[in-house]
């Protein structure tokens, strides 16, 4: 999966991948305001989860 992809977390909520590392995804909740790092002004993830803790959601507007 890649940044921008939509996933469903174990809690049943939909998140968007912000960052991908070797073992984790940094996720943002699109219903919450973005969290911005005060030092560098970049958006940071609301939560980080291991790859196996999320499932991909279908891309909107694309037939499956």
Protein backbone atom coordinates (compact mmCIF):
# COMPACT_ATOMS: atom_id res chain seq x y z
CA UNK A 1 0.00 0.00 0.00
CA UNK A 2 1.07 3.58 -0.60
CA UNK A 3 0.57 7.05 0.87
CA UNK A 4 -2.93 8.26 0.03
CA UNK A 5 -4.49 4.78 0.06
CA UNK A 6 -7.58 4.27 2.21
CA UNK A 7 -7.54 1.46 4.80
CA UNK A 8 -9.79 0.13 7.54
CA UNK A 9 -8.27 -0.21 10.99
CA UNK A 10 -8.99 -2.87 13.61
CA UNK A 11 -11.35 -0.35 15.22
CA UNK A 12 -13.47 -0.36 12.04
CA UNK A 13 -12.65 3.25 11.17
CA UNK A 14 -11.39 4.44 7.81
CA UNK A 15 -7.94 6.03 7.66
CA UNK A 16 -5.65 7.39 4.94
CA UNK A 17 -2.01 6.30 4.81
CA UNK A 18 0.31 9.27 5.34
CA UNK A 19 3.65 7.44 5.62
CA UNK A 20 4.93 3.92 4.98
CA UNK A 21 7.90 2.42 6.81
CA UNK A 22 9.32 -1.09 6.75
CA UNK A 23 6.96 -2.30 9.50
CA UNK A 24 4.36 0.44 10.05
CA UNK A 25 1.85 2.74 8.41
CA UNK A 26 1.36 6.27 9.69
CA UNK A 27 -2.37 6.90 9.41
CA UNK A 28 -4.51 10.01 9.47
CA UNK A 29 -8.21 10.13 10.28
CA UNK A 30 -9.82 12.24 7.53
CA UNK A 31 -12.61 13.28 9.93
CA UNK A 32 -10.15 14.96 12.33
CA UNK A 33 -8.15 18.15 11.81
CA UNK A 34 -4.57 17.54 10.64
CA UNK A 35 -1.80 17.44 13.25
CA UNK A 36 1.12 19.67 12.26
CA UNK A 37 4.64 19.39 13.67
CA UNK A 38 5.47 22.71 15.35
CA UNK A 39 9.17 22.52 14.42
CA UNK A 40 8.99 21.73 10.71
CA UNK A 41 5.38 22.50 9.79
CA UNK A 42 4.76 19.07 8.27
CA UNK A 43 1.67 16.96 8.86
CA UNK A 44 2.16 14.00 11.20
CA UNK A 45 0.13 10.82 11.57
CA UNK A 46 -2.68 10.50 14.09
CA UNK A 47 -1.69 6.86 14.76
CA UNK A 48 0.92 4.33 13.66
CA UNK A 49 0.01 0.67 13.15
CA UNK A 50 1.76 -2.46 11.96
CA UNK A 51 1.05 -3.45 8.34
CA UNK A 52 -1.03 -6.48 9.33
CA UNK A 53 -3.37 -4.35 11.49
CA UNK A 54 -5.17 -2.74 8.54
CA UNK A 55 -7.02 -3.93 5.44
CA UNK A 56 -7.10 -2.05 2.14
CA UNK A 57 -10.34 -0.44 0.99
CA UNK A 58 -11.42 -0.33 -2.65
CA UNK A 59 -10.39 2.77 -4.57
CA UNK A 60 -13.39 5.07 -4.90
CA UNK A 61 -14.75 5.37 -8.42
CA UNK A 62 -12.98 2.23 -9.69
CA UNK A 63 -15.02 -0.86 -10.50
CA UNK A 64 -13.87 -3.99 -8.71
